[in-house]
Amino acid sequence: MSTVIELSEAAALQVRDMMREAEEENAYLRVAVKGGGCSGLSYGMGFEHEIAADDQEEEHHGIRVLVKKNDADILNGTQIDYKQSLMGGGFTIENPNAIASCGCGSSFRTAAKAGTPENC
């Protein structure tokens, strides 16, 4: 099975630090798509301890990642990075399937799935 997302080394290091701070070193990183946001869909990331039957498991730079099979088409080819600047740091998500996104970059829509936009 091919990988759905690509987690950069910088993003993996940040996730590892966050796991350590939250005492979640044995957890998986869940990358998900949910309805909402300015453009109709939004990204979600969090820690999980259990693999569900409809999960695809990947590993990137030592971080175990879970993606729901229903989200795989929407996320296929997505690159997650972590950028640090003088104004602070944050995750960046580049999704080749997104045809529109909002200014904050966390909300998007694809040609096949628009979601339900919220007022921002």
N, C-alpha and C. Protein backbone atom coordinates (compact mmCIF):
# COMPACT_ATOMS: atom_id res chain seq x y z
N MET A 1 0.85 -1.18 0.00
CA MET A 1 0.00 0.00 0.00
C MET A 1 0.90 1.24 0.00
N SER A 2 0.60 2.20 -0.85
CA SER A 2 1.42 3.40 -0.94
C SER A 2 1.09 4.36 0.20
N THR A 3 2.00 5.29 0.44
CA THR A 3 1.76 6.27 1.49
C THR A 3 0.81 7.35 1.00
N VAL A 4 0.03 7.88 1.91
CA VAL A 4 -0.95 8.92 1.59
C VAL A 4 -0.34 10.30 1.80
N ILE A 5 0.37 10.46 2.93
CA ILE A 5 0.96 11.76 3.25
C ILE A 5 2.47 11.63 3.33
N GLU A 6 3.12 12.77 3.32
CA GLU A 6 4.56 12.83 3.55
C GLU A 6 4.79 13.79 4.71
N LEU A 7 5.39 13.31 5.77
CA LEU A 7 5.70 14.11 6.94
C LEU A 7 7.18 14.44 6.87
N SER A 8 7.51 15.73 6.80
CA SER A 8 8.92 16.13 6.70
C SER A 8 9.65 15.80 8.00
N GLU A 9 10.96 15.81 7.91
CA GLU A 9 11.77 15.56 9.11
C GLU A 9 11.52 16.64 10.16
N ALA A 10 11.40 17.90 9.73
CA ALA A 10 11.13 18.99 10.68
C ALA A 10 9.78 18.79 11.38
N ALA A 11 8.77 18.38 10.62
CA ALA A 11 7.45 18.12 11.21
C ALA A 11 7.51 16.95 12.18
N ALA A 12 8.24 15.91 11.81
CA ALA A 12 8.37 14.74 12.68
C ALA A 12 9.06 15.12 13.99
N LEU A 13 10.09 15.95 13.92
CA LEU A 13 10.78 16.39 15.14
C LEU A 13 9.83 17.19 16.04
N GLN A 14 9.01 18.05 15.45
CA GLN A 14 8.06 18.84 16.23
C GLN A 14 7.00 17.93 16.86
N VAL A 15 6.49 16.97 16.09
CA VAL A 15 5.50 16.02 16.62
C VAL A 15 6.11 15.23 17.77
N ARG A 16 7.34 14.79 17.61
CA ARG A 16 8.02 14.02 18.66
C ARG A 16 8.13 14.86 19.94
N ASP A 17 8.50 16.15 19.80
CA ASP A 17 8.58 17.03 20.97
C ASP A 17 7.22 17.19 21.62
N MET A 18 6.18 17.36 20.81
CA MET A 18 4.83 17.51 21.35
C MET A 18 4.37 16.24 22.06
N MET A 19 4.71 15.09 21.51
CA MET A 19 4.36 13.81 22.15
C MET A 19 5.05 13.69 23.50
N ARG A 20 6.32 14.08 23.55
CA ARG A 20 7.08 14.02 24.79
C ARG A 20 6.44 14.94 25.84
N GLU A 21 6.13 16.18 25.45
CA GLU A 21 5.53 17.13 26.38
C GLU A 21 4.18 16.66 26.90
N ALA A 22 3.40 15.99 26.04
CA ALA A 22 2.07 15.51 26.41
C ALA A 22 2.12 14.10 27.00
N GLU A 23 3.32 13.56 27.17
CA GLU A 23 3.51 12.19 27.66
C GLU A 23 2.72 11.19 26.81
N GLU A 24 2.85 11.34 25.49
CA GLU A 24 2.15 10.50 24.51
C GLU A 24 3.15 9.81 23.57
N GLU A 25 4.33 9.48 24.09
CA GLU A 25 5.39 8.92 23.24
C GLU A 25 4.99 7.65 22.50
N ASN A 26 4.06 6.89 23.02
CA ASN A 26 3.65 5.63 22.39
C ASN A 26 2.43 5.78 21.49
N ALA A 27 1.99 7.00 21.28
CA ALA A 27 0.78 7.25 20.50
C ALA A 27 1.09 7.31 19.01
N TYR A 28 0.03 7.26 18.23
CA TYR A 28 0.08 7.49 16.78
C TYR A 28 -0.32 8.95 16.54
N LEU A 29 0.14 9.50 15.44
CA LEU A 29 -0.33 10.79 14.99
C LEU A 29 -1.48 10.55 14.03
N ARG A 30 -2.67 11.05 14.35
CA ARG A 30 -3.83 10.94 13.47
C ARG A 30 -3.87 12.18 12.58
N VAL A 31 -3.91 11.99 11.26
CA VAL A 31 -4.11 13.06 10.31
C VAL A 31 -5.48 12.82 9.69
N ALA A 32 -6.36 13.83 9.77
CA ALA A 32 -7.75 13.62 9.37
C ALA A 32 -8.29 14.81 8.60
N VAL A 33 -9.43 14.58 7.97
CA VAL A 33 -10.19 15.62 7.29
C VAL A 33 -11.57 15.64 7.94
N LYS A 34 -12.05 16.85 8.22
CA LYS A 34 -13.39 16.97 8.79
C LYS A 34 -14.11 18.11 8.09
N GLY A 35 -15.41 18.09 8.15
CA GLY A 35 -16.21 19.15 7.55
C GLY A 35 -16.10 20.43 8.34
N GLY A 36 -16.18 21.56 7.65
CA GLY A 36 -16.15 22.85 8.32
C GLY A 36 -15.02 23.72 7.81
N GLY A 37 -14.81 24.83 8.46
CA GLY A 37 -13.80 25.79 8.04
C GLY A 37 -14.35 26.70 6.95
N CYS A 38 -13.59 27.70 6.60
CA CYS A 38 -14.03 28.71 5.62
C CYS A 38 -14.32 28.11 4.25
N SER A 39 -13.55 27.10 3.85
CA SER A 39 -13.68 26.54 2.51
C SER A 39 -14.49 25.26 2.45
N GLY A 40 -14.89 24.71 3.59
CA GLY A 40 -15.75 23.53 3.59
C GLY A 40 -15.15 22.30 4.24
N LEU A 41 -13.83 22.12 4.16
CA LEU A 41 -13.15 21.01 4.81
C LEU A 41 -11.99 21.57 5.61
N SER A 42 -11.60 20.88 6.66
CA SER A 42 -10.44 21.32 7.43
C SER A 42 -9.62 20.11 7.86
N TYR A 43 -8.37 20.38 8.13
CA TYR A 43 -7.44 19.34 8.56
C TYR A 43 -7.51 19.19 10.07
N GLY A 44 -7.24 18.00 10.53
CA GLY A 44 -7.13 17.75 11.95
C GLY A 44 -5.94 16.86 12.22
N MET A 45 -5.26 17.11 13.33
CA MET A 45 -4.17 16.25 13.78
C MET A 45 -4.30 16.09 15.28
N GLY A 46 -4.03 14.89 15.74
CA GLY A 46 -4.09 14.60 17.16
C GLY A 46 -3.45 13.27 17.44
N PHE A 47 -3.41 12.89 18.71
CA PHE A 47 -2.79 11.64 19.11
C PHE A 47 -3.85 10.57 19.34
N GLU A 48 -3.54 9.35 18.93
CA GLU A 48 -4.43 8.19 19.09
C GLU A 48 -3.61 7.03 19.65
N HIS A 49 -4.30 6.13 20.35
CA HIS A 49 -3.62 4.95 20.89
C HIS A 49 -4.06 3.65 20.24
N GLU A 50 -5.17 3.69 19.51
CA GLU A 50 -5.73 2.48 18.91
C GLU A 50 -5.84 2.63 17.40
N ILE A 51 -5.57 1.56 16.68
CA ILE A 51 -5.77 1.52 15.23
C ILE A 51 -7.16 0.96 14.97
N ALA A 52 -7.96 1.66 14.18
CA ALA A 52 -9.29 1.19 13.81
C ALA A 52 -9.20 0.34 12.54
N ALA A 53 -10.23 -0.42 12.27
CA ALA A 53 -10.25 -1.30 11.09
C ALA A 53 -10.14 -0.52 9.79
N ASP A 54 -10.61 0.73 9.78
CA ASP A 54 -10.58 1.52 8.56
C ASP A 54 -9.40 2.51 8.52
N ASP A 55 -8.37 2.23 9.30
CA ASP A 55 -7.17 3.07 9.31
C ASP A 55 -6.09 2.51 8.41
N GLN A 56 -5.35 3.41 7.80
CA GLN A 56 -4.13 3.06 7.10
C GLN A 56 -2.99 3.56 7.98
N GLU A 57 -2.02 2.70 8.26
CA GLU A 57 -0.88 3.08 9.09
C GLU A 57 0.34 3.34 8.21
N GLU A 58 1.03 4.43 8.52
CA GLU A 58 2.26 4.79 7.82
C GLU A 58 3.31 5.15 8.88
N GLU A 59 4.56 5.21 8.46
CA GLU A 59 5.61 5.67 9.36
C GLU A 59 6.50 6.66 8.61
N HIS A 60 6.75 7.80 9.25
CA HIS A 60 7.58 8.84 8.66
C HIS A 60 8.56 9.34 9.71
N HIS A 61 9.84 9.13 9.48
CA HIS A 61 10.90 9.60 10.37
C HIS A 61 10.65 9.17 11.82
N GLY A 62 10.18 7.93 11.99
CA GLY A 62 9.95 7.38 13.32
C GLY A 62 8.60 7.72 13.93
N ILE A 63 7.77 8.50 13.24
CA ILE A 63 6.43 8.84 13.74
C ILE A 63 5.42 7.92 13.06
N ARG A 64 4.65 7.22 13.87
CA ARG A 64 3.60 6.35 13.34
C ARG A 64 2.36 7.20 13.08
N VAL A 65 1.87 7.16 11.84
CA VAL A 65 0.78 8.02 11.39
C VAL A 65 -0.42 7.17 11.00
N LEU A 66 -1.62 7.62 11.38
CA LEU A 66 -2.87 6.96 11.00
C LEU A 66 -3.69 7.89 10.12
N VAL A 67 -4.26 7.33 9.05
CA VAL A 67 -5.17 8.05 8.16
C VAL A 67 -6.36 7.13 7.90
N LYS A 68 -7.57 7.65 8.10
CA LYS A 68 -8.78 6.88 7.77
C LYS A 68 -8.81 6.62 6.27
N LYS A 69 -9.21 5.43 5.88
CA LYS A 69 -9.26 5.09 4.45
C LYS A 69 -10.19 6.04 3.69
N ASN A 70 -11.26 6.54 4.34
CA ASN A 70 -12.17 7.49 3.69
C ASN A 70 -11.48 8.83 3.40
N ASP A 71 -10.47 9.17 4.19
CA ASP A 71 -9.74 10.43 4.00
C ASP A 71 -8.56 10.28 3.04
N ALA A 72 -8.19 9.06 2.71
CA ALA A 72 -6.99 8.82 1.91
C ALA A 72 -7.04 9.49 0.54
N ASP A 73 -8.16 9.42 -0.15
CA ASP A 73 -8.25 10.06 -1.48
C ASP A 73 -8.08 11.57 -1.39
N ILE A 74 -8.66 12.17 -0.36
CA ILE A 74 -8.58 13.61 -0.19
C ILE A 74 -7.17 14.04 0.19
N LEU A 75 -6.48 13.22 0.98
CA LEU A 75 -5.15 13.56 1.48
C LEU A 75 -4.00 13.02 0.63
N ASN A 76 -4.30 12.21 -0.37
CA ASN A 76 -3.25 11.56 -1.15
C ASN A 76 -2.25 12.57 -1.72
N GLY A 77 -0.99 12.42 -1.40
CA GLY A 77 0.06 13.31 -1.88
C GLY A 77 0.31 14.52 -1.01
N THR A 78 -0.40 14.64 0.11
CA THR A 78 -0.26 15.79 0.99
C THR A 78 1.09 15.78 1.70
N GLN A 79 1.72 16.94 1.75
CA GLN A 79 3.00 17.12 2.43
C GLN A 79 2.79 17.99 3.66
N ILE A 80 3.23 17.49 4.80
CA ILE A 80 3.12 18.22 6.05
C ILE A 80 4.54 18.59 6.49
N ASP A 81 4.74 19.88 6.74
CA ASP A 81 6.05 20.39 7.14
C ASP A 81 5.86 21.24 8.39
N TYR A 82 6.97 21.59 9.02
CA TYR A 82 6.93 22.51 10.15
C TYR A 82 7.91 23.62 9.86
N LYS A 83 7.44 24.86 9.90
CA LYS A 83 8.26 26.03 9.60
C LYS A 83 8.40 26.87 10.87
N GLN A 84 9.62 27.32 11.11
CA GLN A 84 9.91 28.19 12.25
C GLN A 84 10.36 29.54 11.70
N SER A 85 9.83 30.62 12.25
CA SER A 85 10.21 31.96 11.83
C SER A 85 10.30 32.86 13.07
N LEU A 86 10.66 34.11 12.86
CA LEU A 86 10.73 35.06 13.97
C LEU A 86 9.38 35.29 14.61
N MET A 87 8.31 35.07 13.85
CA MET A 87 6.95 35.26 14.35
C MET A 87 6.39 34.01 15.03
N GLY A 88 7.17 32.96 15.09
CA GLY A 88 6.73 31.72 15.70
C GLY A 88 6.80 30.58 14.70
N GLY A 89 6.22 29.47 15.04
CA GLY A 89 6.28 28.31 14.16
C GLY A 89 4.91 27.70 13.98
N GLY A 90 4.82 26.84 13.00
CA GLY A 90 3.56 26.15 12.76
C GLY A 90 3.68 25.12 11.66
N PHE A 91 2.72 24.23 11.63
CA PHE A 91 2.66 23.21 10.59
C PHE A 91 2.12 23.83 9.31
N THR A 92 2.68 23.43 8.18
CA THR A 92 2.16 23.82 6.88
C THR A 92 1.71 22.56 6.17
N ILE A 93 0.61 22.66 5.45
CA ILE A 93 0.05 21.51 4.75
C ILE A 93 -0.14 21.87 3.29
N GLU A 94 0.51 21.12 2.42
CA GLU A 94 0.39 21.29 0.98
C GLU A 94 -0.35 20.08 0.43
N ASN A 95 -1.59 20.30 0.00
CA ASN A 95 -2.42 19.22 -0.51
C ASN A 95 -2.64 19.43 -2.01
N PRO A 96 -2.09 18.53 -2.86
CA PRO A 96 -2.25 18.70 -4.30
C PRO A 96 -3.69 18.52 -4.78
N ASN A 97 -4.56 17.99 -3.94
CA ASN A 97 -5.95 17.77 -4.30
C ASN A 97 -6.84 18.97 -4.00
N ALA A 98 -6.33 19.94 -3.24
CA ALA A 98 -7.12 21.12 -2.88
C ALA A 98 -7.21 22.06 -4.07
N ILE A 99 -8.43 22.46 -4.42
CA ILE A 99 -8.62 23.41 -5.52
C ILE A 99 -8.87 24.81 -5.00
N ALA A 100 -9.16 24.94 -3.70
CA ALA A 100 -9.36 26.24 -3.07
C ALA A 100 -9.03 26.09 -1.60
N SER A 101 -8.49 27.15 -1.01
CA SER A 101 -8.23 27.14 0.42
C SER A 101 -8.41 28.54 0.96
N CYS A 102 -8.57 28.63 2.27
CA CYS A 102 -8.74 29.94 2.89
C CYS A 102 -7.37 30.53 3.20
N GLY A 103 -7.35 31.75 3.64
CA GLY A 103 -6.11 32.45 3.92
C GLY A 103 -5.27 31.81 5.01
N CYS A 104 -5.91 31.16 5.97
CA CYS A 104 -5.16 30.56 7.08
C CYS A 104 -4.50 29.25 6.67
N GLY A 105 -4.95 28.65 5.57
CA GLY A 105 -4.34 27.42 5.07
C GLY A 105 -4.82 26.15 5.72
N SER A 106 -5.72 26.24 6.69
CA SER A 106 -6.19 25.02 7.35
C SER A 106 -7.55 24.56 6.84
N SER A 107 -8.15 25.32 5.95
CA SER A 107 -9.45 24.97 5.38
C SER A 107 -9.32 24.91 3.87
N PHE A 108 -9.99 23.95 3.26
CA PHE A 108 -9.83 23.72 1.83
C PHE A 108 -11.03 23.00 1.25
N ARG A 109 -11.05 22.84 -0.05
CA ARG A 109 -12.01 21.95 -0.71
C ARG A 109 -11.32 21.33 -1.90
N THR A 110 -11.85 20.19 -2.33
CA THR A 110 -11.31 19.49 -3.49
C THR A 110 -12.38 19.48 -4.58
N ALA A 111 -11.99 19.06 -5.77
CA ALA A 111 -12.95 18.98 -6.87
C ALA A 111 -14.05 17.98 -6.55
N ALA A 112 -13.70 16.90 -5.84
CA ALA A 112 -14.67 15.85 -5.56
C ALA A 112 -15.44 16.06 -4.27
N LYS A 113 -14.89 16.88 -3.35
CA LYS A 113 -15.55 17.05 -2.05
C LYS A 113 -15.42 18.50 -1.61
N ALA A 114 -16.56 19.17 -1.46
CA ALA A 114 -16.54 20.57 -1.09
C ALA A 114 -16.75 20.78 0.40
N GLY A 115 -17.45 19.87 1.08
CA GLY A 115 -17.74 20.09 2.50
C GLY A 115 -18.77 21.18 2.67
N THR A 116 -18.97 21.61 3.91
CA THR A 116 -19.92 22.66 4.24
C THR A 116 -19.17 23.82 4.87
N PRO A 117 -19.00 24.93 4.15
CA PRO A 117 -18.25 26.07 4.71
C PRO A 117 -18.93 26.67 5.92
N GLU A 118 -18.11 27.19 6.83
CA GLU A 118 -18.58 27.91 8.01
C GLU A 118 -18.20 29.37 7.84
N ASN A 119 -18.87 30.25 8.54
CA ASN A 119 -18.47 31.66 8.56
C ASN A 119 -17.18 31.79 9.35
N CYS A 120 -16.22 32.52 8.80
CA CYS A 120 -14.95 32.69 9.50
C CYS A 120 -14.79 34.10 10.03
